[in-house]
Amino acid sequence: MNLYEFAWNDPVDLFDRFGLFVKPTDFPPAGDKNTVICYNGQLTIQNKNKGPGRKCYGVHEYSHLQDWLKRYGEDVCKGQKNGTTPVGGDGYDEFLRQSECKAYKADKKGFEDLLKNCKPKDKDALQNEIALSNRKLKENKCD
């Protein structure tokens, strides 16, 4: 018995937040992107980051997942092709900007918290992640 079929044998990168997925067949994950994706009618998170800030990327994507569910509803992925991300609708660009602002604020806080007690070898990587978050916050004109 394979206990990780629900996450395409990758329970670290993908997870089933409700425990509702069935065995996948031909699911093509969305490349190396961290994102929210549809699979078997459910919205889930794909986190491909392997670095010391992996958990922060999960927080970032979970923030998006909550925003997508709030905007589109629990049934957003019903009938959608596996591996797709729902987009569009009135005001989508502003919705996406606000979602990115919220997500980058959350991951920046996580990176800053990790930096306080990190291993010396992880310090540069975490500082780079904080700098990236700051750039993205500026690009998105976040408060």
C-alpha atoms as a PDB file:
ATOM      1  CA  MET A   1       0.000   0.000   0.000  1.00  0.00           C
ATOM      2  CA  ASN A   2       1.347   3.412  -0.963  1.00  0.00           C
ATOM      3  CA  LEU A   3       0.383   5.952   1.715  1.00  0.00           C
ATOM      4  CA  TYR A   4       1.525   8.900  -0.417  1.00  0.00           C
ATOM      5  CA  GLU A   5      -0.453   8.376  -3.620  1.00  0.00           C
ATOM      6  CA  PHE A   6      -2.651  11.354  -2.756  1.00  0.00           C
ATOM      7  CA  ALA A   7       0.423  13.583  -3.132  1.00  0.00           C
ATOM      8  CA  TRP A   8       1.839  11.893  -6.235  1.00  0.00           C
ATOM      9  CA  ASN A   9       4.447  10.188  -4.007  1.00  0.00           C
ATOM     10  CA  ASP A  10       5.719  13.625  -3.032  1.00  0.00           C
ATOM     11  CA  PRO A  11       4.113  14.463   0.341  1.00  0.00           C
ATOM     12  CA  VAL A  12       6.659  17.195   1.004  1.00  0.00           C
ATOM     13  CA  ASP A  13       5.889  19.179  -2.152  1.00  0.00           C
ATOM     14  CA  LEU A  14       2.178  18.475  -2.436  1.00  0.00           C
ATOM     15  CA  PHE A  15      -0.418  17.829   0.221  1.00  0.00           C
ATOM     16  CA  ASP A  16      -4.102  17.128   0.535  1.00  0.00           C
ATOM     17  CA  ARG A  17      -5.496  19.593   3.044  1.00  0.00           C
ATOM     18  CA  PHE A  18      -8.871  17.830   3.349  1.00  0.00           C
ATOM     19  CA  GLY A  19      -7.831  14.197   2.814  1.00  0.00           C
ATOM     20  CA  LEU A  20     -10.202  13.906  -0.139  1.00  0.00           C
ATOM     21  CA  PHE A  21      -7.993  13.049  -3.087  1.00  0.00           C
ATOM     22  CA  VAL A  22      -8.197   9.743  -4.912  1.00  0.00           C
ATOM     23  CA  LYS A  23      -5.335   7.925  -6.575  1.00  0.00           C
ATOM     24  CA  PRO A  24      -3.901  10.129  -9.357  1.00  0.00           C
ATOM     25  CA  THR A  25      -3.679   8.887 -12.904  1.00  0.00           C
ATOM     26  CA  ASP A  26      -1.954  11.233 -15.335  1.00  0.00           C
ATOM     27  CA  PHE A  27      -1.441  14.376 -13.255  1.00  0.00           C
ATOM     28  CA  PRO A  28       1.246  16.687 -14.666  1.00  0.00           C
ATOM     29  CA  PRO A  29       2.427  19.009 -11.837  1.00  0.00           C
ATOM     30  CA  ALA A  30       2.979  22.662 -12.794  1.00  0.00           C
ATOM     31  CA  GLY A  31       6.709  22.332 -13.402  1.00  0.00           C
ATOM     32  CA  ASP A  32       9.041  23.667 -10.748  1.00  0.00           C
ATOM     33  CA  LYS A  33       6.685  26.441  -9.651  1.00  0.00           C
ATOM     34  CA  ASN A  34       5.368  26.979  -6.153  1.00  0.00           C
ATOM     35  CA  THR A  35       1.684  27.546  -6.816  1.00  0.00           C
ATOM     36  CA  VAL A  36      -1.894  26.571  -6.151  1.00  0.00           C
ATOM     37  CA  ILE A  37      -3.272  24.007  -8.585  1.00  0.00           C
ATOM     38  CA  CYS A  38      -6.389  21.967  -9.253  1.00  0.00           C
ATOM     39  CA  TYR A  39      -6.287  18.207  -8.896  1.00  0.00           C
ATOM     40  CA  ASN A  40      -9.325  15.923  -9.068  1.00  0.00           C
ATOM     41  CA  GLY A  41     -11.668  18.834  -8.440  1.00  0.00           C
ATOM     42  CA  GLN A  42      -9.798  20.195  -5.407  1.00  0.00           C
ATOM     43  CA  LEU A  43      -7.476  23.163  -4.989  1.00  0.00           C
ATOM     44  CA  THR A  44      -4.134  22.253  -3.421  1.00  0.00           C
ATOM     45  CA  ILE A  45      -0.616  23.622  -2.960  1.00  0.00           C
ATOM     46  CA  GLN A  46       2.528  22.695  -4.859  1.00  0.00           C
ATOM     47  CA  ASN A  47       5.708  23.679  -3.005  1.00  0.00           C
ATOM     48  CA  LYS A  48       8.862  22.719  -4.916  1.00  0.00           C
ATOM     49  CA  ASN A  49      11.290  24.683  -2.737  1.00  0.00           C
ATOM     50  CA  LYS A  50      13.979  22.538  -1.091  1.00  0.00           C
ATOM     51  CA  GLY A  51      15.886  25.269   0.762  1.00  0.00           C
ATOM     52  CA  PRO A  52      15.857  26.430   4.371  1.00  0.00           C
ATOM     53  CA  GLY A  53      12.852  28.667   3.690  1.00  0.00           C
ATOM     54  CA  ARG A  54      10.646  25.859   2.417  1.00  0.00           C
ATOM     55  CA  LYS A  55       8.072  26.325   5.187  1.00  0.00           C
ATOM     56  CA  CYS A  56       7.818  30.044   4.363  1.00  0.00           C
ATOM     57  CA  TYR A  57       6.974  29.215   0.749  1.00  0.00           C
ATOM     58  CA  GLY A  58       4.276  26.884   2.032  1.00  0.00           C
ATOM     59  CA  VAL A  59       2.841  29.749   4.081  1.00  0.00           C
ATOM     60  CA  HIS A  60       2.981  31.970   0.985  1.00  0.00           C
ATOM     61  CA  GLU A  61       1.075  29.464  -1.161  1.00  0.00           C
ATOM     62  CA  TYR A  62      -1.393  28.654   1.616  1.00  0.00           C
ATOM     63  CA  SER A  63      -2.201  32.369   1.755  1.00  0.00           C
ATOM     64  CA  HIS A  64      -2.972  32.251  -1.983  1.00  0.00           C
ATOM     65  CA  LEU A  65      -5.044  29.096  -1.538  1.00  0.00           C
ATOM     66  CA  GLN A  66      -7.211  30.861   1.050  1.00  0.00           C
ATOM     67  CA  ASP A  67      -7.608  33.874  -1.240  1.00  0.00           C
ATOM     68  CA  TRP A  68      -8.559  31.685  -4.223  1.00  0.00           C
ATOM     69  CA  LEU A  69     -11.134  29.784  -2.189  1.00  0.00           C
ATOM     70  CA  LYS A  70     -12.613  33.019  -0.866  1.00  0.00           C
ATOM     71  CA  ARG A  71     -12.815  34.554  -4.365  1.00  0.00           C
ATOM     72  CA  TYR A  72     -13.923  31.528  -6.376  1.00  0.00           C
ATOM     73  CA  GLY A  73     -15.485  29.200  -3.767  1.00  0.00           C
ATOM     74  CA  GLU A  74     -14.801  25.639  -2.620  1.00  0.00           C
ATOM     75  CA  ASP A  75     -15.895  24.236  -6.006  1.00  0.00           C
ATOM     76  CA  VAL A  76     -13.388  26.322  -7.990  1.00  0.00           C
ATOM     77  CA  CYS A  77     -11.691  23.217  -9.393  1.00  0.00           C
ATOM     78  CA  LYS A  78     -14.770  21.135 -10.160  1.00  0.00           C
ATOM     79  CA  GLY A  79     -14.477  20.115 -13.802  1.00  0.00           C
ATOM     80  CA  GLN A  80     -11.078  21.804 -14.206  1.00  0.00           C
ATOM     81  CA  LYS A  81      -8.112  20.077 -15.826  1.00  0.00           C
ATOM     82  CA  ASN A  82      -5.532  18.748 -13.367  1.00  0.00           C
ATOM     83  CA  GLY A  83      -2.557  21.069 -12.955  1.00  0.00           C
ATOM     84  CA  THR A  84      -4.444  24.242 -13.846  1.00  0.00           C
ATOM     85  CA  THR A  85      -4.798  27.355 -11.727  1.00  0.00           C
ATOM     86  CA  PRO A  86      -8.111  29.231 -11.843  1.00  0.00           C
ATOM     87  CA  VAL A  87      -7.658  32.819 -13.037  1.00  0.00           C
ATOM     88  CA  GLY A  88      -9.724  35.690 -14.358  1.00  0.00           C
ATOM     89  CA  GLY A  89     -12.936  37.469 -13.611  1.00  0.00           C
ATOM     90  CA  ASP A  90     -13.731  41.085 -12.854  1.00  0.00           C
ATOM     91  CA  GLY A  91     -10.945  42.770 -10.919  1.00  0.00           C
ATOM     92  CA  TYR A  92      -8.579  39.802 -11.237  1.00  0.00           C
ATOM     93  CA  ASP A  93      -5.422  41.911 -11.583  1.00  0.00           C
ATOM     94  CA  GLU A  94      -6.153  43.784  -8.354  1.00  0.00           C
ATOM     95  CA  PHE A  95      -7.146  40.532  -6.619  1.00  0.00           C
ATOM     96  CA  LEU A  96      -3.829  38.985  -7.646  1.00  0.00           C
ATOM     97  CA  ARG A  97      -1.854  42.045  -6.537  1.00  0.00           C
ATOM     98  CA  GLN A  98      -3.521  42.026  -3.123  1.00  0.00           C
ATOM     99  CA  SER A  99      -3.035  38.278  -2.776  1.00  0.00           C
ATOM    100  CA  GLU A 100       0.672  38.630  -3.624  1.00  0.00           C
ATOM    101  CA  CYS A 101       1.043  41.457  -1.099  1.00  0.00           C
ATOM    102  CA  LYS A 102      -0.499  39.349   1.640  1.00  0.00           C
ATOM    103  CA  ALA A 103       1.546  36.278   0.708  1.00  0.00           C
ATOM    104  CA  TYR A 104       4.886  38.126   0.459  1.00  0.00           C
ATOM    105  CA  LYS A 105       4.278  39.841   3.800  1.00  0.00           C
ATOM    106  CA  ALA A 106       3.635  36.436   5.368  1.00  0.00           C
ATOM    107  CA  ASP A 107       6.701  34.753   3.864  1.00  0.00           C
ATOM    108  CA  LYS A 108       8.935  37.734   4.680  1.00  0.00           C
ATOM    109  CA  LYS A 109       7.954  37.480   8.341  1.00  0.00           C
ATOM    110  CA  GLY A 110       8.697  33.764   8.239  1.00  0.00           C
ATOM    111  CA  PHE A 111      12.118  34.308   6.663  1.00  0.00           C
ATOM    112  CA  GLU A 112      12.940  36.982   9.249  1.00  0.00           C
ATOM    113  CA  ASP A 113      11.927  34.632  12.067  1.00  0.00           C
ATOM    114  CA  LEU A 114      14.038  31.812  10.610  1.00  0.00           C
ATOM    115  CA  LEU A 115      17.019  34.130  10.239  1.00  0.00           C
ATOM    116  CA  LYS A 116      17.075  34.776  14.006  1.00  0.00           C
ATOM    117  CA  ASN A 117      18.015  31.168  14.826  1.00  0.00           C
ATOM    118  CA  CYS A 118      19.263  29.713  11.562  1.00  0.00           C
ATOM    119  CA  LYS A 119      22.345  27.645  10.890  1.00  0.00           C
ATOM    120  CA  PRO A 120      25.241  29.812   9.695  1.00  0.00           C
ATOM    121  CA  LYS A 121      25.203  28.046   6.319  1.00  0.00           C
ATOM    122  CA  ASP A 122      21.561  29.130   5.762  1.00  0.00           C
ATOM    123  CA  LYS A 123      22.011  32.804   6.638  1.00  0.00           C
ATOM    124  CA  ASP A 124      22.829  34.052   3.116  1.00  0.00           C
ATOM    125  CA  ALA A 125      19.976  32.118   1.530  1.00  0.00           C
ATOM    126  CA  LEU A 126      17.466  33.495   4.027  1.00  0.00           C
ATOM    127  CA  GLN A 127      18.754  37.039   3.605  1.00  0.00           C
ATOM    128  CA  ASN A 128      18.349  36.629  -0.163  1.00  0.00           C
ATOM    129  CA  GLU A 129      14.774  35.453   0.348  1.00  0.00           C
ATOM    130  CA  ILE A 130      14.025  38.513   2.505  1.00  0.00           C
ATOM    131  CA  ALA A 131      15.498  40.747  -0.200  1.00  0.00           C
ATOM    132  CA  LEU A 132      13.343  39.000  -2.830  1.00  0.00           C
ATOM    133  CA  SER A 133      10.251  39.470  -0.670  1.00  0.00           C
ATOM    134  CA  ASN A 134      11.089  43.160  -0.290  1.00  0.00           C
ATOM    135  CA  ARG A 135      11.473  43.517  -4.080  1.00  0.00           C
ATOM    136  CA  LYS A 136       8.168  41.770  -4.700  1.00  0.00           C
ATOM    137  CA  LEU A 137       6.410  43.905  -2.090  1.00  0.00           C
ATOM    138  CA  LYS A 138       7.742  47.014  -3.827  1.00  0.00           C
ATOM    139  CA  GLU A 139       6.867  45.735  -7.329  1.00  0.00           C
ATOM    140  CA  ASN A 140       3.311  45.031  -6.220  1.00  0.00           C
ATOM    141  CA  LYS A 141       3.032  48.434  -4.491  1.00  0.00           C
ATOM    142  CA  CYS A 142       2.155  46.845  -1.169  1.00  0.00           C
ATOM    143  CA  ASP A 143       1.663  49.001   1.911  1.00  0.00           C
END
